[in-house]
């Protein structure tokens, strides 16, 4: 019954900024169960600092898959645009607030007060 292990598989997707503490990513990685997958994308530690220090024997005993790529490849952005154009991915969750370049101070204050997911402040030239 090889398909049963799928029930126990877990995944970690690291999209933290390079300035994030490597300990947070390592902690998340160490929660992955047998046959789990880890995808590293945003370069934690790329600005210096501690490495992830993941124990090799743990990876091998638990058949963990680790894949790293700095952000995404060039074709991925084209594919994402195609998915949005096809209607399969809605952007309705985003709240976009536009400001003219001469109103940059107001835009900065607004962006600081409107923190949160899916909130974008855009400066128009």
PDB file of N, CA and C in Angstrom:
ATOM      1  N   UNK A   1       0.826  -1.187   0.000  1.00  0.00           N
ATOM      2  CA  UNK A   1       0.000   0.000   0.000  1.00  0.00           C
ATOM      3  C   UNK A   1       0.872   1.253   0.000  1.00  0.00           C
ATOM      4  N   UNK A   2       1.616   1.512  -1.053  1.00  0.00           N
ATOM      5  CA  UNK A   2       2.515   2.661  -1.060  1.00  0.00           C
ATOM      6  C   UNK A   2       1.804   4.004  -1.011  1.00  0.00           C
ATOM      7  N   UNK A   3       0.550   4.078  -1.380  1.00  0.00           N
ATOM      8  CA  UNK A   3      -0.169   5.352  -1.376  1.00  0.00           C
ATOM      9  C   UNK A   3      -0.519   5.838   0.023  1.00  0.00           C
ATOM     10  N   UNK A   4      -0.437   4.999   1.023  1.00  0.00           N
ATOM     11  CA  UNK A   4      -0.792   5.413   2.385  1.00  0.00           C
ATOM     12  C   UNK A   4       0.143   6.473   2.950  1.00  0.00           C
ATOM     13  N   UNK A   5       1.409   6.471   2.535  1.00  0.00           N
ATOM     14  CA  UNK A   5       2.336   7.461   3.091  1.00  0.00           C
ATOM     15  C   UNK A   5       1.944   8.875   2.697  1.00  0.00           C
ATOM     16  N   UNK A   6       1.157   9.045   1.655  1.00  0.00           N
ATOM     17  CA  UNK A   6       0.726  10.372   1.247  1.00  0.00           C
ATOM     18  C   UNK A   6      -0.086  11.063   2.337  1.00  0.00           C
ATOM     19  N   UNK A   7      -0.772  10.296   3.144  1.00  0.00           N
ATOM     20  CA  UNK A   7      -1.558  10.858   4.228  1.00  0.00           C
ATOM     21  C   UNK A   7      -0.683  11.516   5.281  1.00  0.00           C
ATOM     22  N   UNK A   8       0.547  11.091   5.359  1.00  0.00           N
ATOM     23  CA  UNK A   8       1.439  11.589   6.405  1.00  0.00           C
ATOM     24  C   UNK A   8       2.466  12.583   5.885  1.00  0.00           C
ATOM     25  N   UNK A   9       2.453  12.848   4.601  1.00  0.00           N
ATOM     26  CA  UNK A   9       3.423  13.756   4.002  1.00  0.00           C
ATOM     27  C   UNK A   9       3.127  15.188   4.435  1.00  0.00           C
ATOM     28  N   UNK A  10       4.167  15.957   4.625  1.00  0.00           N
ATOM     29  CA  UNK A  10       3.984  17.362   4.963  1.00  0.00           C
ATOM     30  C   UNK A  10       4.916  18.210   4.108  1.00  0.00           C
ATOM     31  N   UNK A  11       4.580  19.479   4.009  1.00  0.00           N
ATOM     32  CA  UNK A  11       5.304  20.382   3.123  1.00  0.00           C
ATOM     33  C   UNK A  11       5.625  21.678   3.852  1.00  0.00           C
ATOM     34  N   UNK A  12       6.818  22.219   3.612  1.00  0.00           N
ATOM     35  CA  UNK A  12       7.192  23.543   4.095  1.00  0.00           C
ATOM     36  C   UNK A  12       7.587  24.365   2.882  1.00  0.00           C
ATOM     37  N   UNK A  13       7.012  25.556   2.763  1.00  0.00           N
ATOM     38  CA  UNK A  13       7.363  26.500   1.714  1.00  0.00           C
ATOM     39  C   UNK A  13       7.936  27.738   2.388  1.00  0.00           C
ATOM     40  N   UNK A  14       9.224  27.974   2.181  1.00  0.00           N
ATOM     41  CA  UNK A  14       9.888  29.136   2.777  1.00  0.00           C
ATOM     42  C   UNK A  14       9.829  30.293   1.796  1.00  0.00           C
ATOM     43  N   UNK A  15       9.082  31.327   2.160  1.00  0.00           N
ATOM     44  CA  UNK A  15       9.062  32.550   1.356  1.00  0.00           C
ATOM     45  C   UNK A  15       9.371  33.767   2.236  1.00  0.00           C
ATOM     46  N   UNK A  16      10.129  33.522   3.301  1.00  0.00           N
ATOM     47  CA  UNK A  16      10.535  34.615   4.183  1.00  0.00           C
ATOM     48  C   UNK A  16      11.589  35.466   3.495  1.00  0.00           C
ATOM     49  N   UNK A  17      11.692  36.741   3.850  1.00  0.00           N
ATOM     50  CA  UNK A  17      12.694  37.616   3.224  1.00  0.00           C
ATOM     51  C   UNK A  17      14.110  37.237   3.670  1.00  0.00           C
ATOM     52  N   UNK A  18      15.124  37.640   2.887  1.00  0.00           N
ATOM     53  CA  UNK A  18      16.507  37.315   3.237  1.00  0.00           C
ATOM     54  C   UNK A  18      16.920  37.797   4.624  1.00  0.00           C
ATOM     55  N   UNK A  19      16.263  38.803   5.149  1.00  0.00           N
ATOM     56  CA  UNK A  19      16.622  39.327   6.467  1.00  0.00           C
ATOM     57  C   UNK A  19      16.047  38.504   7.623  1.00  0.00           C
ATOM     58  N   UNK A  20      15.178  37.540   7.335  1.00  0.00           N
ATOM     59  CA  UNK A  20      14.558  36.730   8.392  1.00  0.00           C
ATOM     60  C   UNK A  20      15.593  35.842   9.078  1.00  0.00           C
ATOM     61  N   UNK A  21      15.307  35.488  10.311  1.00  0.00           N
ATOM     62  CA  UNK A  21      16.184  34.637  11.103  1.00  0.00           C
ATOM     63  C   UNK A  21      16.125  33.201  10.569  1.00  0.00           C
ATOM     64  N   UNK A  22      17.286  32.620  10.296  1.00  0.00           N
ATOM     65  CA  UNK A  22      17.359  31.257   9.776  1.00  0.00           C
ATOM     66  C   UNK A  22      16.750  30.242  10.748  1.00  0.00           C
ATOM     67  N   UNK A  23      16.715  30.566  12.040  1.00  0.00           N
ATOM     68  CA  UNK A  23      16.164  29.639  13.027  1.00  0.00           C
ATOM     69  C   UNK A  23      14.680  29.357  12.760  1.00  0.00           C
ATOM     70  N   UNK A  24      13.938  30.356  12.281  1.00  0.00           N
ATOM     71  CA  UNK A  24      12.512  30.169  11.999  1.00  0.00           C
ATOM     72  C   UNK A  24      12.322  29.157  10.868  1.00  0.00           C
ATOM     73  N   UNK A  25      13.148  29.254   9.829  1.00  0.00           N
ATOM     74  CA  UNK A  25      13.045  28.329   8.704  1.00  0.00           C
ATOM     75  C   UNK A  25      13.478  26.928   9.137  1.00  0.00           C
ATOM     76  N   UNK A  26      14.569  26.838   9.886  1.00  0.00           N
ATOM     77  CA  UNK A  26      15.031  25.535  10.354  1.00  0.00           C
ATOM     78  C   UNK A  26      13.961  24.862  11.218  1.00  0.00           C
ATOM     79  N   UNK A  27      13.317  25.620  12.097  1.00  0.00           N
ATOM     80  CA  UNK A  27      12.264  25.068  12.949  1.00  0.00           C
ATOM     81  C   UNK A  27      11.130  24.513  12.094  1.00  0.00           C
ATOM     82  N   UNK A  28      10.735  25.270  11.067  1.00  0.00           N
ATOM     83  CA  UNK A  28       9.667  24.794  10.176  1.00  0.00           C
ATOM     84  C   UNK A  28      10.096  23.525   9.442  1.00  0.00           C
ATOM     85  N   UNK A  29      11.324  23.505   8.945  1.00  0.00           N
ATOM     86  CA  UNK A  29      11.821  22.333   8.222  1.00  0.00           C
ATOM     87  C   UNK A  29      11.794  21.097   9.112  1.00  0.00           C
ATOM     88  N   UNK A  30      12.194  21.257  10.360  1.00  0.00           N
ATOM     89  CA  UNK A  30      12.268  20.108  11.271  1.00  0.00           C
ATOM     90  C   UNK A  30      10.893  19.558  11.666  1.00  0.00           C
ATOM     91  N   UNK A  31       9.813  20.229  11.275  1.00  0.00           N
ATOM     92  CA  UNK A  31       8.474  19.699  11.540  1.00  0.00           C
ATOM     93  C   UNK A  31       7.996  18.775  10.428  1.00  0.00           C
ATOM     94  N   UNK A  32       8.731  18.737   9.324  1.00  0.00           N
ATOM     95  CA  UNK A  32       8.337  17.908   8.186  1.00  0.00           C
ATOM     96  C   UNK A  32       8.432  16.433   8.568  1.00  0.00           C
ATOM     97  N   UNK A  33       7.389  15.712   8.233  1.00  0.00           N
ATOM     98  CA  UNK A  33       7.352  14.283   8.558  1.00  0.00           C
ATOM     99  C   UNK A  33       8.007  13.458   7.444  1.00  0.00           C
ATOM    100  N   UNK A  34       8.062  12.158   7.650  1.00  0.00           N
ATOM    101  CA  UNK A  34       8.662  11.247   6.688  1.00  0.00           C
ATOM    102  C   UNK A  34       8.074  11.463   5.293  1.00  0.00           C
ATOM    103  N   UNK A  35       8.941  11.456   4.278  1.00  0.00           N
ATOM    104  CA  UNK A  35       8.598  11.698   2.872  1.00  0.00           C
ATOM    105  C   UNK A  35       8.132  13.135   2.623  1.00  0.00           C
ATOM    106  N   UNK A  36       8.409  14.027   3.553  1.00  0.00           N
ATOM    107  CA  UNK A  36       8.001  15.420   3.400  1.00  0.00           C
ATOM    108  C   UNK A  36       8.862  16.169   2.396  1.00  0.00           C
ATOM    109  N   UNK A  37       8.389  17.364   2.055  1.00  0.00           N
ATOM    110  CA  UNK A  37       9.082  18.196   1.072  1.00  0.00           C
ATOM    111  C   UNK A  37       9.327  19.585   1.650  1.00  0.00           C
ATOM    112  N   UNK A  38      10.463  20.151   1.280  1.00  0.00           N
ATOM    113  CA  UNK A  38      10.821  21.502   1.699  1.00  0.00           C
ATOM    114  C   UNK A  38      11.193  22.278   0.445  1.00  0.00           C
ATOM    115  N   UNK A  39      10.573  23.439   0.267  1.00  0.00           N
ATOM    116  CA  UNK A  39      10.891  24.311  -0.860  1.00  0.00           C
ATOM    117  C   UNK A  39      11.389  25.646  -0.311  1.00  0.00           C
ATOM    118  N   UNK A  40      12.623  25.974  -0.643  1.00  0.00           N
ATOM    119  CA  UNK A  40      13.256  27.205  -0.169  1.00  0.00           C
ATOM    120  C   UNK A  40      13.311  28.190  -1.331  1.00  0.00           C
ATOM    121  N   UNK A  41      12.691  29.381  -1.155  1.00  0.00           N
ATOM    122  CA  UNK A  41      12.613  30.311  -2.275  1.00  0.00           C
ATOM    123  C   UNK A  41      13.175  31.702  -2.016  1.00  0.00           C
ATOM    124  N   UNK A  42      13.146  32.207  -0.828  1.00  0.00           N
ATOM    125  CA  UNK A  42      13.443  33.624  -0.671  1.00  0.00           C
ATOM    126  C   UNK A  42      14.812  33.951  -0.093  1.00  0.00           C
ATOM    127  N   UNK A  43      15.670  33.000   0.061  1.00  0.00           N
ATOM    128  CA  UNK A  43      17.051  33.307   0.389  1.00  0.00           C
ATOM    129  C   UNK A  43      17.358  33.698   1.813  1.00  0.00           C
ATOM    130  N   UNK A  44      16.716  33.078   2.799  1.00  0.00           N
ATOM    131  CA  UNK A  44      17.066  33.364   4.188  1.00  0.00           C
ATOM    132  C   UNK A  44      18.557  33.112   4.365  1.00  0.00           C
ATOM    133  N   UNK A  45      19.233  34.074   4.937  1.00  0.00           N
ATOM    134  CA  UNK A  45      20.667  33.964   5.141  1.00  0.00           C
ATOM    135  C   UNK A  45      21.497  34.498   3.979  1.00  0.00           C
ATOM    136  N   UNK A  46      20.869  34.919   2.887  1.00  0.00           N
ATOM    137  CA  UNK A  46      21.610  35.425   1.733  1.00  0.00           C
ATOM    138  C   UNK A  46      22.333  36.729   2.059  1.00  0.00           C
ATOM    139  N   UNK A  47      21.916  37.396   3.122  1.00  0.00           N
ATOM    140  CA  UNK A  47      22.557  38.646   3.534  1.00  0.00           C
ATOM    141  C   UNK A  47      23.619  38.397   4.603  1.00  0.00           C
ATOM    142  N   UNK A  48      23.915  37.139   4.859  1.00  0.00           N
ATOM    143  CA  UNK A  48      24.867  36.768   5.906  1.00  0.00           C
ATOM    144  C   UNK A  48      24.118  36.179   7.092  1.00  0.00           C
ATOM    145  N   UNK A  49      24.833  35.785   8.086  1.00  0.00           N
ATOM    146  CA  UNK A  49      24.202  35.202   9.270  1.00  0.00           C
ATOM    147  C   UNK A  49      24.278  33.694   9.263  1.00  0.00           C
ATOM    148  N   UNK A  50      23.505  33.098  10.150  1.00  0.00           N
ATOM    149  CA  UNK A  50      23.532  31.649  10.342  1.00  0.00           C
ATOM    150  C   UNK A  50      22.960  30.908   9.146  1.00  0.00           C
ATOM    151  N   UNK A  51      23.456  29.694   8.940  1.00  0.00           N
ATOM    152  CA  UNK A  51      22.898  28.793   7.947  1.00  0.00           C
ATOM    153  C   UNK A  51      21.764  27.996   8.561  1.00  0.00           C
ATOM    154  N   UNK A  52      21.151  27.120   7.778  1.00  0.00           N
ATOM    155  CA  UNK A  52      20.023  26.335   8.276  1.00  0.00           C
ATOM    156  C   UNK A  52      20.457  25.182   9.171  1.00  0.00           C
ATOM    157  N   UNK A  53      21.641  24.642   8.951  1.00  0.00           N
ATOM    158  CA  UNK A  53      22.183  23.561   9.775  1.00  0.00           C
ATOM    159  C   UNK A  53      21.178  22.435   9.982  1.00  0.00           C
ATOM    160  N   UNK A  54      20.759  21.849   8.874  1.00  0.00           N
ATOM    161  CA  UNK A  54      19.806  20.738   8.902  1.00  0.00           C
ATOM    162  C   UNK A  54      20.596  19.434   9.013  1.00  0.00           C
ATOM    163  N   UNK A  55      20.248  18.570   9.950  1.00  0.00           N
ATOM    164  CA  UNK A  55      21.029  17.333  10.145  1.00  0.00           C
ATOM    165  C   UNK A  55      20.865  16.343   8.977  1.00  0.00           C
ATOM    166  N   UNK A  56      21.980  16.038   8.353  1.00  0.00           N
ATOM    167  CA  UNK A  56      22.002  15.115   7.223  1.00  0.00           C
ATOM    168  C   UNK A  56      21.364  13.757   7.548  1.00  0.00           C
ATOM    169  N   UNK A  57      21.698  13.121   8.678  1.00  0.00           N
ATOM    170  CA  UNK A  57      21.086  11.816   8.987  1.00  0.00           C
ATOM    171  C   UNK A  57      19.553  11.894   9.064  1.00  0.00           C
ATOM    172  N   UNK A  58      19.018  12.982   9.591  1.00  0.00           N
ATOM    173  CA  UNK A  58      17.556  13.153   9.682  1.00  0.00           C
ATOM    174  C   UNK A  58      16.938  13.197   8.288  1.00  0.00           C
ATOM    175  N   UNK A  59      17.591  13.936   7.366  1.00  0.00           N
ATOM    176  CA  UNK A  59      17.104  14.015   5.989  1.00  0.00           C
ATOM    177  C   UNK A  59      17.070  12.620   5.369  1.00  0.00           C
ATOM    178  N   UNK A  60      18.142  11.895   5.521  1.00  0.00           N
ATOM    179  CA  UNK A  60      18.261  10.567   4.898  1.00  0.00           C
ATOM    180  C   UNK A  60      17.292   9.554   5.505  1.00  0.00           C
ATOM    181  N   UNK A  61      17.193   9.501   6.823  1.00  0.00           N
ATOM    182  CA  UNK A  61      16.304   8.535   7.467  1.00  0.00           C
ATOM    183  C   UNK A  61      14.838   8.791   7.155  1.00  0.00           C
ATOM    184  N   UNK A  62      14.485  10.057   6.945  1.00  0.00           N
ATOM    185  CA  UNK A  62      13.083  10.411   6.739  1.00  0.00           C
ATOM    186  C   UNK A  62      12.720  10.670   5.282  1.00  0.00           C
ATOM    187  N   UNK A  63      13.653  10.432   4.377  1.00  0.00           N
ATOM    188  CA  UNK A  63      13.408  10.610   2.936  1.00  0.00           C
ATOM    189  C   UNK A  63      12.838  11.993   2.624  1.00  0.00           C
ATOM    190  N   UNK A  64      13.471  13.014   3.178  1.00  0.00           N
ATOM    191  CA  UNK A  64      13.023  14.395   2.993  1.00  0.00           C
ATOM    192  C   UNK A  64      13.546  14.923   1.660  1.00  0.00           C
ATOM    193  N   UNK A  65      12.693  15.597   0.908  1.00  0.00           N
ATOM    194  CA  UNK A  65      13.085  16.242  -0.344  1.00  0.00           C
ATOM    195  C   UNK A  65      13.246  17.736  -0.071  1.00  0.00           C
ATOM    196  N   UNK A  66      14.417  18.270  -0.407  1.00  0.00           N
ATOM    197  CA  UNK A  66      14.679  19.699  -0.234  1.00  0.00           C
ATOM    198  C   UNK A  66      15.039  20.277  -1.590  1.00  0.00           C
ATOM    199  N   UNK A  67      14.310  21.313  -1.970  1.00  0.00           N
ATOM    200  CA  UNK A  67      14.578  21.983  -3.245  1.00  0.00           C
ATOM    201  C   UNK A  67      14.728  23.469  -2.982  1.00  0.00           C
ATOM    202  N   UNK A  68      15.751  24.047  -3.536  1.00  0.00           N
ATOM    203  CA  UNK A  68      15.964  25.470  -3.370  1.00  0.00           C
ATOM    204  C   UNK A  68      16.081  26.163  -4.711  1.00  0.00           C
ATOM    205  N   UNK A  69      15.480  27.323  -4.802  1.00  0.00           N
ATOM    206  CA  UNK A  69      15.603  28.153  -6.003  1.00  0.00           C
ATOM    207  C   UNK A  69      15.370  29.598  -5.590  1.00  0.00           C
ATOM    208  N   UNK A  70      16.274  30.470  -5.996  1.00  0.00           N
ATOM    209  CA  UNK A  70      16.111  31.879  -5.681  1.00  0.00           C
ATOM    210  C   UNK A  70      14.886  32.384  -6.420  1.00  0.00           C
ATOM    211  N   UNK A  71      13.835  32.632  -5.685  1.00  0.00           N
ATOM    212  CA  UNK A  71      12.557  33.121  -6.187  1.00  0.00           C
ATOM    213  C   UNK A  71      11.962  32.150  -7.211  1.00  0.00           C
ATOM    214  N   UNK A  72      11.938  32.490  -8.472  1.00  0.00           N
ATOM    215  CA  UNK A  72      11.289  31.658  -9.480  1.00  0.00           C
ATOM    216  C   UNK A  72      11.999  31.879 -10.810  1.00  0.00           C
ATOM    217  N   UNK A  73      11.782  30.952 -11.756  1.00  0.00           N
ATOM    218  CA  UNK A  73      12.442  31.104 -13.050  1.00  0.00           C
ATOM    219  C   UNK A  73      11.679  32.094 -13.929  1.00  0.00           C
ATOM    220  N   UNK A  74      12.270  32.492 -15.044  1.00  0.00           N
ATOM    221  CA  UNK A  74      11.695  33.522 -15.909  1.00  0.00           C
ATOM    222  C   UNK A  74      10.349  33.113 -16.494  1.00  0.00           C
ATOM    223  N   UNK A  75      10.195  31.865 -16.795  1.00  0.00           N
ATOM    224  CA  UNK A  75       8.944  31.390 -17.407  1.00  0.00           C
ATOM    225  C   UNK A  75       7.774  31.417 -16.416  1.00  0.00           C
ATOM    226  N   UNK A  76       8.068  31.324 -15.130  1.00  0.00           N
ATOM    227  CA  UNK A  76       7.012  31.273 -14.115  1.00  0.00           C
ATOM    228  C   UNK A  76       6.143  32.529 -14.126  1.00  0.00           C
ATOM    229  N   UNK A  77       6.755  33.704 -14.305  1.00  0.00           N
ATOM    230  CA  UNK A  77       5.954  34.932 -14.310  1.00  0.00           C
ATOM    231  C   UNK A  77       5.018  34.969 -15.511  1.00  0.00           C
ATOM    232  N   UNK A  78       5.463  34.464 -16.646  1.00  0.00           N
ATOM    233  CA  UNK A  78       4.604  34.393 -17.828  1.00  0.00           C
ATOM    234  C   UNK A  78       3.447  33.429 -17.589  1.00  0.00           C
ATOM    235  N   UNK A  79       3.738  32.321 -16.944  1.00  0.00           N
ATOM    236  CA  UNK A  79       2.696  31.337 -16.644  1.00  0.00           C
ATOM    237  C   UNK A  79       1.679  31.904 -15.661  1.00  0.00           C
ATOM    238  N   UNK A  80       2.142  32.656 -14.664  1.00  0.00           N
ATOM    239  CA  UNK A  80       1.239  33.268 -13.695  1.00  0.00           C
ATOM    240  C   UNK A  80       0.312  34.272 -14.380  1.00  0.00           C
ATOM    241  N   UNK A  81       0.850  35.077 -15.263  1.00  0.00           N
ATOM    242  CA  UNK A  81       0.027  36.036 -16.005  1.00  0.00           C
ATOM    243  C   UNK A  81      -1.025  35.302 -16.833  1.00  0.00           C
ATOM    244  N   UNK A  82      -0.647  34.215 -17.463  1.00  0.00           N
ATOM    245  CA  UNK A  82      -1.595  33.429 -18.258  1.00  0.00           C
ATOM    246  C   UNK A  82      -2.716  32.856 -17.390  1.00  0.00           C
ATOM    247  N   UNK A  83      -2.387  32.418 -16.185  1.00  0.00           N
ATOM    248  CA  UNK A  83      -3.400  31.882 -15.273  1.00  0.00           C
ATOM    249  C   UNK A  83      -4.382  32.974 -14.866  1.00  0.00           C
ATOM    250  N   UNK A  84      -3.878  34.179 -14.594  1.00  0.00           N
ATOM    251  CA  UNK A  84      -4.743  35.306 -14.234  1.00  0.00           C
ATOM    252  C   UNK A  84      -5.634  35.669 -15.416  1.00  0.00           C
ATOM    253  N   UNK A  85      -5.055  35.769 -16.623  1.00  0.00           N
ATOM    254  CA  UNK A  85      -5.831  36.120 -17.816  1.00  0.00           C
ATOM    255  C   UNK A  85      -6.919  35.095 -18.118  1.00  0.00           C
ATOM    256  N   UNK A  86      -6.648  33.842 -17.811  1.00  0.00           N
ATOM    257  CA  UNK A  86      -7.635  32.788 -18.088  1.00  0.00           C
ATOM    258  C   UNK A  86      -8.804  32.812 -17.104  1.00  0.00           C
ATOM    259  N   UNK A  87      -8.655  33.546 -16.010  1.00  0.00           N
ATOM    260  CA  UNK A  87      -9.711  33.609 -15.000  1.00  0.00           C
ATOM    261  C   UNK A  87      -9.605  32.551 -13.923  1.00  0.00           C
ATOM    262  N   UNK A  88      -8.563  31.731 -13.966  1.00  0.00           N
ATOM    263  CA  UNK A  88      -8.387  30.680 -12.964  1.00  0.00           C
ATOM    264  C   UNK A  88      -7.869  31.217 -11.634  1.00  0.00           C
ATOM    265  N   UNK A  89      -7.277  32.403 -11.666  1.00  0.00           N
ATOM    266  CA  UNK A  89      -6.767  33.021 -10.449  1.00  0.00           C
ATOM    267  C   UNK A  89      -7.311  34.435 -10.349  1.00  0.00           C
ATOM    268  N   UNK A  90      -8.113  34.671  -9.356  1.00  0.00           N
ATOM    269  CA  UNK A  90      -8.713  35.989  -9.157  1.00  0.00           C
ATOM    270  C   UNK A  90      -7.790  36.870  -8.328  1.00  0.00           C
ATOM    271  N   UNK A  91      -7.710  38.131  -8.698  1.00  0.00           N
ATOM    272  CA  UNK A  91      -6.916  39.097  -7.943  1.00  0.00           C
ATOM    273  C   UNK A  91      -7.811  40.011  -7.116  1.00  0.00           C
ATOM    274  N   UNK A  92      -9.064  39.620  -6.917  1.00  0.00           N
ATOM    275  CA  UNK A  92     -10.028  40.446  -6.198  1.00  0.00           C
ATOM    276  C   UNK A  92      -9.685  40.665  -4.729  1.00  0.00           C
ATOM    277  N   UNK A  93      -8.838  39.831  -4.163  1.00  0.00           N
ATOM    278  CA  UNK A  93      -8.464  39.994  -2.755  1.00  0.00           C
ATOM    279  C   UNK A  93      -7.535  41.194  -2.534  1.00  0.00           C
ATOM    280  N   UNK A  94      -6.866  41.631  -3.592  1.00  0.00           N
ATOM    281  CA  UNK A  94      -5.910  42.727  -3.465  1.00  0.00           C
ATOM    282  C   UNK A  94      -6.627  44.068  -3.355  1.00  0.00           C
ATOM    283  N   UNK A  95      -6.140  44.896  -2.439  1.00  0.00           N
ATOM    284  CA  UNK A  95      -6.608  46.272  -2.311  1.00  0.00           C
ATOM    285  C   UNK A  95      -5.450  47.155  -2.764  1.00  0.00           C
ATOM    286  N   UNK A  96      -5.642  47.827  -3.899  1.00  0.00           N
ATOM    287  CA  UNK A  96      -4.579  48.636  -4.484  1.00  0.00           C
ATOM    288  C   UNK A  96      -4.916  50.105  -4.300  1.00  0.00           C
ATOM    289  N   UNK A  97      -3.999  50.835  -3.690  1.00  0.00           N
ATOM    290  CA  UNK A  97      -4.161  52.276  -3.473  1.00  0.00           C
ATOM    291  C   UNK A  97      -3.078  52.992  -4.260  1.00  0.00           C
ATOM    292  N   UNK A  98      -3.491  53.895  -5.155  1.00  0.00           N
ATOM    293  CA  UNK A  98      -2.554  54.595  -6.021  1.00  0.00           C
ATOM    294  C   UNK A  98      -2.324  56.029  -5.558  1.00  0.00           C
ATOM    295  N   UNK A  99      -1.074  56.472  -5.676  1.00  0.00           N
ATOM    296  CA  UNK A  99      -0.695  57.837  -5.330  1.00  0.00           C
ATOM    297  C   UNK A  99       0.190  58.391  -6.440  1.00  0.00           C
ATOM    298  N   UNK A 100       0.056  59.677  -6.705  1.00  0.00           N
ATOM    299  CA  UNK A 100       0.943  60.346  -7.651  1.00  0.00           C
ATOM    300  C   UNK A 100       2.303  60.551  -7.003  1.00  0.00           C
ATOM    301  N   UNK A 101       3.325  60.684  -7.832  1.00  0.00           N
ATOM    302  CA  UNK A 101       4.689  60.839  -7.337  1.00  0.00           C
ATOM    303  C   UNK A 101       4.833  62.036  -6.397  1.00  0.00           C
ATOM    304  N   UNK A 102       4.131  63.127  -6.696  1.00  0.00           N
ATOM    305  CA  UNK A 102       4.241  64.311  -5.838  1.00  0.00           C
ATOM    306  C   UNK A 102       3.594  64.096  -4.462  1.00  0.00           C
ATOM    307  N   UNK A 103       2.810  63.038  -4.311  1.00  0.00           N
ATOM    308  CA  UNK A 103       2.168  62.716  -3.029  1.00  0.00           C
ATOM    309  C   UNK A 103       2.882  61.573  -2.304  1.00  0.00           C
ATOM    310  N   UNK A 104       4.179  61.437  -2.534  1.00  0.00           N
ATOM    311  CA  UNK A 104       4.930  60.294  -2.008  1.00  0.00           C
ATOM    312  C   UNK A 104       4.904  60.224  -0.482  1.00  0.00           C
ATOM    313  N   UNK A 105       4.973  61.359   0.198  1.00  0.00           N
ATOM    314  CA  UNK A 105       4.948  61.329   1.665  1.00  0.00           C
ATOM    315  C   UNK A 105       3.618  60.801   2.174  1.00  0.00           C
ATOM    316  N   UNK A 106       2.541  61.202   1.540  1.00  0.00           N
ATOM    317  CA  UNK A 106       1.216  60.695   1.899  1.00  0.00           C
ATOM    318  C   UNK A 106       1.130  59.187   1.620  1.00  0.00           C
ATOM    319  N   UNK A 107       1.716  58.764   0.513  1.00  0.00           N
ATOM    320  CA  UNK A 107       1.711  57.341   0.157  1.00  0.00           C
ATOM    321  C   UNK A 107       2.460  56.511   1.191  1.00  0.00           C
ATOM    322  N   UNK A 108       3.598  57.021   1.642  1.00  0.00           N
ATOM    323  CA  UNK A 108       4.396  56.297   2.647  1.00  0.00           C
ATOM    324  C   UNK A 108       3.625  56.188   3.960  1.00  0.00           C
ATOM    325  N   UNK A 109       3.008  57.276   4.373  1.00  0.00           N
ATOM    326  CA  UNK A 109       2.220  57.256   5.613  1.00  0.00           C
ATOM    327  C   UNK A 109       1.041  56.291   5.469  1.00  0.00           C
ATOM    328  N   UNK A 110       0.400  56.308   4.311  1.00  0.00           N
ATOM    329  CA  UNK A 110      -0.740  55.418   4.066  1.00  0.00           C
ATOM    330  C   UNK A 110      -0.294  53.954   4.113  1.00  0.00           C
ATOM    331  N   UNK A 111       0.809  53.645   3.435  1.00  0.00           N
ATOM    332  CA  UNK A 111       1.313  52.269   3.404  1.00  0.00           C
ATOM    333  C   UNK A 111       1.656  51.777   4.808  1.00  0.00           C
ATOM    334  N   UNK A 112       2.213  52.657   5.639  1.00  0.00           N
ATOM    335  CA  UNK A 112       2.555  52.276   7.011  1.00  0.00           C
ATOM    336  C   UNK A 112       1.312  51.992   7.844  1.00  0.00           C
ATOM    337  N   UNK A 113       0.232  52.697   7.560  1.00  0.00           N
ATOM    338  CA  UNK A 113      -0.994  52.510   8.346  1.00  0.00           C
ATOM    339  C   UNK A 113      -1.884  51.394   7.806  1.00  0.00           C
ATOM    340  N   UNK A 114      -1.671  51.003   6.567  1.00  0.00           N
ATOM    341  CA  UNK A 114      -2.509  49.977   5.919  1.00  0.00           C
ATOM    342  C   UNK A 114      -1.731  48.685   5.731  1.00  0.00           C
ATOM    343  N   UNK A 115      -1.117  48.206   6.779  1.00  0.00           N
ATOM    344  CA  UNK A 115      -0.337  46.973   6.700  1.00  0.00           C
ATOM    345  C   UNK A 115      -1.265  45.773   6.571  1.00  0.00           C
ATOM    346  N   UNK A 116      -0.737  44.716   6.003  1.00  0.00           N
ATOM    347  CA  UNK A 116      -1.492  43.478   5.941  1.00  0.00           C
ATOM    348  C   UNK A 116      -1.391  42.822   4.583  1.00  0.00           C
ATOM    349  N   UNK A 117      -1.869  41.624   4.558  1.00  0.00           N
ATOM    350  CA  UNK A 117      -1.836  40.842   3.323  1.00  0.00           C
ATOM    351  C   UNK A 117      -2.726  41.466   2.260  1.00  0.00           C
ATOM    352  N   UNK A 118      -2.274  41.377   1.047  1.00  0.00           N
ATOM    353  CA  UNK A 118      -3.044  41.792  -0.131  1.00  0.00           C
ATOM    354  C   UNK A 118      -3.315  43.291  -0.189  1.00  0.00           C
ATOM    355  N   UNK A 119      -2.562  44.100   0.527  1.00  0.00           N
ATOM    356  CA  UNK A 119      -2.704  45.558   0.479  1.00  0.00           C
ATOM    357  C   UNK A 119      -1.471  46.127  -0.218  1.00  0.00           C
ATOM    358  N   UNK A 120      -1.702  46.818  -1.324  1.00  0.00           N
ATOM    359  CA  UNK A 120      -0.612  47.362  -2.117  1.00  0.00           C
ATOM    360  C   UNK A 120      -0.746  48.870  -2.226  1.00  0.00           C
ATOM    361  N   UNK A 121       0.352  49.576  -2.042  1.00  0.00           N
ATOM    362  CA  UNK A 121       0.401  51.020  -2.244  1.00  0.00           C
ATOM    363  C   UNK A 121       1.301  51.260  -3.444  1.00  0.00           C
ATOM    364  N   UNK A 122       0.766  51.932  -4.459  1.00  0.00           N
ATOM    365  CA  UNK A 122       1.476  52.118  -5.722  1.00  0.00           C
ATOM    366  C   UNK A 122       1.725  53.599  -5.942  1.00  0.00           C
ATOM    367  N   UNK A 123       2.946  53.940  -6.337  1.00  0.00           N
ATOM    368  CA  UNK A 123       3.300  55.323  -6.675  1.00  0.00           C
ATOM    369  C   UNK A 123       3.317  55.417  -8.207  1.00  0.00           C
ATOM    370  N   UNK A 124       2.522  56.320  -8.762  1.00  0.00           N
ATOM    371  CA  UNK A 124       2.492  56.529 -10.214  1.00  0.00           C
ATOM    372  C   UNK A 124       3.427  57.676 -10.581  1.00  0.00           C
ATOM    373  N   UNK A 125       4.311  57.472 -11.577  1.00  0.00           N
ATOM    374  CA  UNK A 125       5.213  58.549 -11.991  1.00  0.00           C
ATOM    375  C   UNK A 125       4.448  59.693 -12.667  1.00  0.00           C
TER     376      UNK A 125
END
